[in-house]
N, C-alpha and C. Protein backbone atom coordinates (compact mmCIF):
# COMPACT_ATOMS: atom_id res chain seq x y z
N MET A 1 -10.10 53.78 -14.81
CA MET A 1 -11.13 54.24 -13.89
C MET A 1 -12.41 53.44 -14.16
N ILE A 2 -13.08 53.11 -13.11
CA ILE A 2 -14.34 52.38 -13.24
C ILE A 2 -15.45 53.39 -13.55
N SER A 3 -16.33 53.02 -14.45
CA SER A 3 -17.36 53.96 -14.89
C SER A 3 -18.60 53.89 -13.99
N LYS A 4 -19.40 54.92 -14.14
CA LYS A 4 -20.66 54.98 -13.39
C LYS A 4 -21.59 53.84 -13.84
N GLU A 5 -21.51 53.46 -15.11
CA GLU A 5 -22.33 52.36 -15.64
C GLU A 5 -21.93 51.03 -14.99
N GLU A 6 -20.63 50.84 -14.79
CA GLU A 6 -20.17 49.62 -14.13
C GLU A 6 -20.64 49.57 -12.68
N ILE A 7 -20.61 50.70 -12.02
CA ILE A 7 -21.13 50.78 -10.64
C ILE A 7 -22.62 50.46 -10.63
N THR A 8 -23.36 50.98 -11.60
CA THR A 8 -24.79 50.70 -11.70
C THR A 8 -25.03 49.21 -11.88
N ARG A 9 -24.23 48.57 -12.75
CA ARG A 9 -24.38 47.13 -12.98
C ARG A 9 -24.08 46.34 -11.70
N ILE A 10 -23.01 46.70 -11.01
CA ILE A 10 -22.65 46.02 -9.76
C ILE A 10 -23.75 46.22 -8.72
N ALA A 11 -24.27 47.44 -8.62
CA ALA A 11 -25.34 47.73 -7.66
C ALA A 11 -26.59 46.91 -8.00
N ASP A 12 -26.88 46.77 -9.28
CA ASP A 12 -28.04 45.96 -9.69
C ASP A 12 -27.84 44.50 -9.30
N LEU A 13 -26.63 43.98 -9.52
CA LEU A 13 -26.34 42.59 -9.15
C LEU A 13 -26.47 42.37 -7.65
N ALA A 14 -26.08 43.39 -6.87
CA ALA A 14 -26.16 43.30 -5.41
C ALA A 14 -27.52 43.74 -4.89
N MET A 15 -28.42 44.09 -5.81
CA MET A 15 -29.76 44.55 -5.46
C MET A 15 -29.72 45.77 -4.54
N LEU A 16 -28.86 46.73 -4.91
CA LEU A 16 -28.74 47.97 -4.16
C LEU A 16 -29.33 49.10 -4.98
N ASP A 17 -29.99 49.99 -4.33
CA ASP A 17 -30.55 51.16 -4.98
C ASP A 17 -29.69 52.35 -4.59
N LEU A 18 -28.83 52.79 -5.52
CA LEU A 18 -27.90 53.88 -5.23
C LEU A 18 -28.33 55.16 -5.93
N THR A 19 -28.09 56.27 -5.27
CA THR A 19 -28.33 57.57 -5.89
C THR A 19 -27.19 57.88 -6.85
N ASP A 20 -27.36 58.89 -7.69
CA ASP A 20 -26.30 59.27 -8.63
C ASP A 20 -25.05 59.73 -7.89
N SER A 21 -25.24 60.46 -6.79
CA SER A 21 -24.07 60.93 -6.05
C SER A 21 -23.33 59.75 -5.40
N GLU A 22 -24.07 58.74 -4.94
CA GLU A 22 -23.42 57.54 -4.38
C GLU A 22 -22.65 56.79 -5.46
N LYS A 23 -23.25 56.69 -6.65
CA LYS A 23 -22.57 56.01 -7.75
C LYS A 23 -21.27 56.72 -8.10
N ASN A 24 -21.31 58.05 -8.16
CA ASN A 24 -20.09 58.81 -8.45
C ASN A 24 -19.04 58.62 -7.36
N GLU A 25 -19.49 58.64 -6.11
CA GLU A 25 -18.58 58.48 -4.97
C GLU A 25 -17.94 57.09 -4.98
N TYR A 26 -18.75 56.06 -5.20
CA TYR A 26 -18.21 54.69 -5.21
C TYR A 26 -17.31 54.46 -6.42
N ALA A 27 -17.63 55.07 -7.55
CA ALA A 27 -16.77 54.94 -8.73
C ALA A 27 -15.39 55.52 -8.43
N ALA A 28 -15.36 56.66 -7.77
CA ALA A 28 -14.07 57.28 -7.42
C ALA A 28 -13.31 56.43 -6.41
N GLN A 29 -14.01 55.92 -5.42
CA GLN A 29 -13.35 55.11 -4.39
C GLN A 29 -12.80 53.81 -4.96
N ILE A 30 -13.60 53.12 -5.78
CA ILE A 30 -13.15 51.86 -6.35
C ILE A 30 -12.02 52.10 -7.34
N SER A 31 -12.09 53.17 -8.10
CA SER A 31 -11.01 53.51 -9.02
C SER A 31 -9.71 53.76 -8.26
N SER A 32 -9.81 54.41 -7.13
CA SER A 32 -8.64 54.66 -6.29
C SER A 32 -8.04 53.35 -5.80
N LEU A 33 -8.89 52.42 -5.39
CA LEU A 33 -8.40 51.11 -4.95
C LEU A 33 -7.73 50.35 -6.10
N LEU A 34 -8.36 50.37 -7.26
CA LEU A 34 -7.79 49.67 -8.41
C LEU A 34 -6.45 50.27 -8.82
N ASP A 35 -6.31 51.60 -8.73
CA ASP A 35 -5.02 52.24 -9.01
C ASP A 35 -3.96 51.78 -8.02
N TYR A 36 -4.35 51.65 -6.77
CA TYR A 36 -3.41 51.18 -5.74
C TYR A 36 -2.98 49.74 -6.04
N PHE A 37 -3.93 48.89 -6.45
CA PHE A 37 -3.59 47.51 -6.79
C PHE A 37 -2.64 47.46 -7.98
N LYS A 38 -2.82 48.37 -8.94
CA LYS A 38 -1.90 48.42 -10.09
C LYS A 38 -0.49 48.77 -9.63
N GLN A 39 -0.39 49.67 -8.65
CA GLN A 39 0.93 50.02 -8.10
C GLN A 39 1.57 48.79 -7.46
N ILE A 40 0.80 48.03 -6.71
CA ILE A 40 1.32 46.83 -6.06
C ILE A 40 1.76 45.81 -7.10
N GLN A 41 0.96 45.64 -8.17
CA GLN A 41 1.29 44.68 -9.21
C GLN A 41 2.57 45.05 -9.95
N SER A 42 2.92 46.33 -9.98
CA SER A 42 4.12 46.75 -10.70
C SER A 42 5.40 46.50 -9.91
N LEU A 43 5.29 46.11 -8.65
CA LEU A 43 6.48 45.87 -7.83
C LEU A 43 7.18 44.58 -8.23
N ASP A 44 8.52 44.58 -8.15
CA ASP A 44 9.29 43.37 -8.42
C ASP A 44 9.41 42.58 -7.12
N LEU A 45 8.65 41.51 -7.03
CA LEU A 45 8.61 40.71 -5.82
C LEU A 45 9.23 39.33 -6.02
N ALA A 46 10.12 39.21 -7.00
CA ALA A 46 10.71 37.92 -7.35
C ALA A 46 11.45 37.29 -6.17
N GLY A 47 12.14 38.06 -5.36
CA GLY A 47 12.91 37.50 -4.25
C GLY A 47 12.20 37.51 -2.92
N VAL A 48 10.94 37.87 -2.91
CA VAL A 48 10.19 37.98 -1.65
C VAL A 48 9.42 36.68 -1.42
N GLU A 49 9.65 36.09 -0.26
CA GLU A 49 8.97 34.84 0.08
C GLU A 49 7.52 35.12 0.46
N PRO A 50 6.58 34.33 -0.07
CA PRO A 50 5.17 34.55 0.29
C PRO A 50 4.94 34.33 1.78
N THR A 51 4.00 35.06 2.32
CA THR A 51 3.66 34.94 3.74
C THR A 51 2.17 35.17 3.92
N ASN A 52 1.63 34.71 5.03
CA ASN A 52 0.23 34.96 5.31
C ASN A 52 0.04 36.05 6.35
N HIS A 53 1.16 36.68 6.76
CA HIS A 53 1.09 37.73 7.77
C HIS A 53 2.20 38.73 7.51
N ALA A 54 1.93 39.99 7.77
CA ALA A 54 2.91 41.03 7.49
C ALA A 54 4.11 41.00 8.44
N LEU A 55 3.94 40.48 9.63
CA LEU A 55 5.02 40.44 10.61
C LEU A 55 5.55 39.02 10.76
N VAL A 56 6.85 38.91 10.94
CA VAL A 56 7.43 37.60 11.20
C VAL A 56 7.24 37.30 12.68
N ALA A 57 6.56 36.22 12.97
CA ALA A 57 6.27 35.86 14.35
C ALA A 57 6.50 34.37 14.51
N ASP A 58 7.74 34.00 14.80
CA ASP A 58 8.07 32.59 14.98
C ASP A 58 7.71 32.16 16.39
N ASN A 59 6.75 31.29 16.51
CA ASN A 59 6.31 30.71 17.77
C ASN A 59 6.30 31.73 18.91
N VAL A 60 5.30 32.54 18.92
CA VAL A 60 5.19 33.56 19.94
C VAL A 60 4.57 33.02 21.22
N LEU A 61 4.23 31.73 21.22
CA LEU A 61 3.64 31.13 22.41
C LEU A 61 4.73 30.58 23.32
N ARG A 62 4.46 30.55 24.59
CA ARG A 62 5.42 30.00 25.54
C ARG A 62 5.47 28.48 25.39
N GLU A 63 6.54 27.90 25.88
CA GLU A 63 6.68 26.46 25.83
C GLU A 63 5.63 25.82 26.74
N ASP A 64 5.04 24.76 26.27
CA ASP A 64 4.01 24.06 27.05
C ASP A 64 4.69 23.14 28.04
N LYS A 65 4.50 23.42 29.32
CA LYS A 65 5.11 22.61 30.37
C LYS A 65 4.01 22.09 31.29
N ALA A 66 4.13 20.85 31.70
CA ALA A 66 3.17 20.26 32.62
C ALA A 66 3.53 20.61 34.06
N PHE A 67 2.54 20.98 34.83
CA PHE A 67 2.72 21.29 36.25
C PHE A 67 1.68 20.50 37.03
N PRO A 68 1.96 20.22 38.29
CA PRO A 68 0.98 19.50 39.10
C PRO A 68 -0.28 20.36 39.27
N SER A 69 -1.42 19.71 39.38
CA SER A 69 -2.69 20.39 39.57
C SER A 69 -2.74 21.07 40.93
N ALA A 70 -3.54 22.11 41.03
CA ALA A 70 -3.70 22.81 42.30
C ALA A 70 -4.49 21.97 43.30
N GLY A 71 -5.22 21.03 42.85
CA GLY A 71 -6.01 20.19 43.75
C GLY A 71 -7.43 20.70 43.88
N GLN A 72 -8.34 19.77 44.10
CA GLN A 72 -9.77 20.10 44.14
C GLN A 72 -10.11 21.07 45.26
N LYS A 73 -9.60 20.85 46.45
CA LYS A 73 -9.93 21.72 47.58
C LYS A 73 -9.44 23.14 47.35
N CYS A 74 -8.27 23.28 46.77
CA CYS A 74 -7.73 24.61 46.48
C CYS A 74 -8.55 25.32 45.41
N VAL A 75 -8.99 24.58 44.39
CA VAL A 75 -9.75 25.17 43.29
C VAL A 75 -11.11 25.65 43.75
N ILE A 76 -11.82 24.89 44.58
CA ILE A 76 -13.16 25.31 45.00
C ILE A 76 -13.14 26.20 46.23
N ALA A 77 -11.97 26.45 46.80
CA ALA A 77 -11.88 27.27 48.01
C ALA A 77 -12.39 28.69 47.78
N GLY A 78 -12.22 29.24 46.59
CA GLY A 78 -12.65 30.61 46.33
C GLY A 78 -14.06 30.71 45.77
N ALA A 79 -14.74 29.59 45.64
CA ALA A 79 -16.09 29.61 45.08
C ALA A 79 -17.08 30.19 46.08
N PRO A 80 -18.07 30.94 45.60
CA PRO A 80 -19.06 31.51 46.52
C PRO A 80 -19.92 30.45 47.20
N ASP A 81 -20.13 29.30 46.54
CA ASP A 81 -20.96 28.26 47.14
C ASP A 81 -20.51 26.90 46.60
N THR A 82 -20.26 25.96 47.50
CA THR A 82 -19.84 24.62 47.09
C THR A 82 -20.59 23.58 47.91
N ASP A 83 -20.51 22.33 47.47
CA ASP A 83 -21.04 21.23 48.26
C ASP A 83 -19.89 20.44 48.88
N GLY A 84 -18.71 21.03 48.86
CA GLY A 84 -17.53 20.37 49.40
C GLY A 84 -16.69 19.69 48.33
N GLN A 85 -17.29 19.40 47.17
CA GLN A 85 -16.56 18.75 46.08
C GLN A 85 -16.65 19.50 44.76
N SER A 86 -17.69 20.31 44.59
CA SER A 86 -17.87 21.00 43.32
C SER A 86 -18.58 22.33 43.54
N TYR A 87 -18.59 23.16 42.51
CA TYR A 87 -19.28 24.44 42.56
C TYR A 87 -20.79 24.23 42.63
N ARG A 88 -21.47 25.12 43.31
CA ARG A 88 -22.93 25.13 43.31
C ARG A 88 -23.36 26.44 42.66
N VAL A 89 -24.23 26.31 41.68
CA VAL A 89 -24.71 27.48 40.96
C VAL A 89 -26.23 27.44 40.91
N PRO A 90 -26.86 28.59 40.73
CA PRO A 90 -28.31 28.61 40.63
C PRO A 90 -28.76 27.85 39.39
N ALA A 91 -29.91 27.21 39.48
CA ALA A 91 -30.48 26.50 38.33
C ALA A 91 -30.89 27.51 37.28
N ILE A 92 -30.61 27.19 36.03
CA ILE A 92 -31.00 28.08 34.94
C ILE A 92 -32.03 27.43 34.04
N ILE A 93 -32.28 26.15 34.23
CA ILE A 93 -33.28 25.44 33.44
C ILE A 93 -34.39 25.01 34.37
N GLU A 94 -35.58 25.41 34.07
CA GLU A 94 -36.70 25.05 34.92
C GLU A 94 -37.19 23.65 34.55
N THR A 95 -37.52 22.89 35.54
CA THR A 95 -38.07 21.55 35.30
C THR A 95 -39.49 21.51 35.83
N GLU A 96 -40.24 20.50 35.45
CA GLU A 96 -41.63 20.38 35.87
C GLU A 96 -41.76 19.51 37.11
N GLU A 97 -40.82 19.52 37.99
CA GLU A 97 -40.87 18.70 39.21
C GLU A 97 -41.68 19.34 40.29
C-alpha cells in the first residue's frame, strides 16, 4: 500500500496542494491500482504474443480501388455559388484595397 507520506511527496513534486482527506483518498486509489498491476504481473504470459491492441483487427480497411473522377461540372453542380469552374465563397480575409 502506498503511504500518505508518499502521496504528500508526489503532490509536492507536482506542486499540488492536497487536503488530508484527498491524500487518504488518493493513497487508497493508487494502492488499488498497484494491487491490480501486481495481479497482472503474476499471470503466466509466456505463450501470449505481444500486441498493441486488445482486439485482432487485420486490415479492416476496404481495398483501395481507382475509379474515374466525377468530373468538374458534376462536382460543382451542387455548390451554392460558382463561377462555372470553381466554388465561390465569401471572403474571410480583409484586404486594404
